[in-house]
Each structure stands twice: as structure tokens, then as C-alpha cells.
Amino acid sequence: MEALVEKLKTQIIESLKLSDVTTDEIDPDAPLIGEGLGLDSIDTLELLVLLEKEYGVTVPDVNVGRDVFKSVRSLAEYIEKNKPGE
């Protein structure tokens, strides 16, 4: 799980072009949206594309998405539980 958390931190930085942020600065339990990392709805869409392309995982609706995008750790947990073939 921790390896996936670290990989997601790197992917978030690269995907969202957060050149002024390092993986060490991203708290795996801090909120992704709003406070914490401060992502917005456009960033969330980018992450949805990343989930689908990299992991084959989709988020069915906004209510599920709220839980999935709470933190990097919740994102990793969702991927682990929902990866195809797992």
C-alpha cells in the first residue's frame, strides 16, 4: 500500500504539473481537494483520467468520488479494492 501511495504522489505531481511541490510535501492523509493539497474540480477530472488510464479504475458517481478523493491514502485504498482482476 505504501508503495502505491508514493507512486500516486509522483503521478499527481506529474499529471497536474505541480512543479513547486515535492512528494515529501504531500501528506498522504491530508485532503486533496480544497484545503490540504488544494486541488479543484479540473484537477479532479485529471486524476479521474489518470485512474482510468493507469489502473483501469473508474469512479461511478460524485458521492463515491468524495470518499475516493479525500486523501492520497484513500485514493490508493480505492485503487487496491477496485483494480480489474484483483
Foldseek 3Di string as FASTA:
>chain_A
DVVQLLVVLVVLCVQVVVVVDDSVQQDQQAACDPPRVPDHPVSLVSVQVVCCVVFVDHQPDDVSVVQCRRGSVSVSVRSVVGGPPD
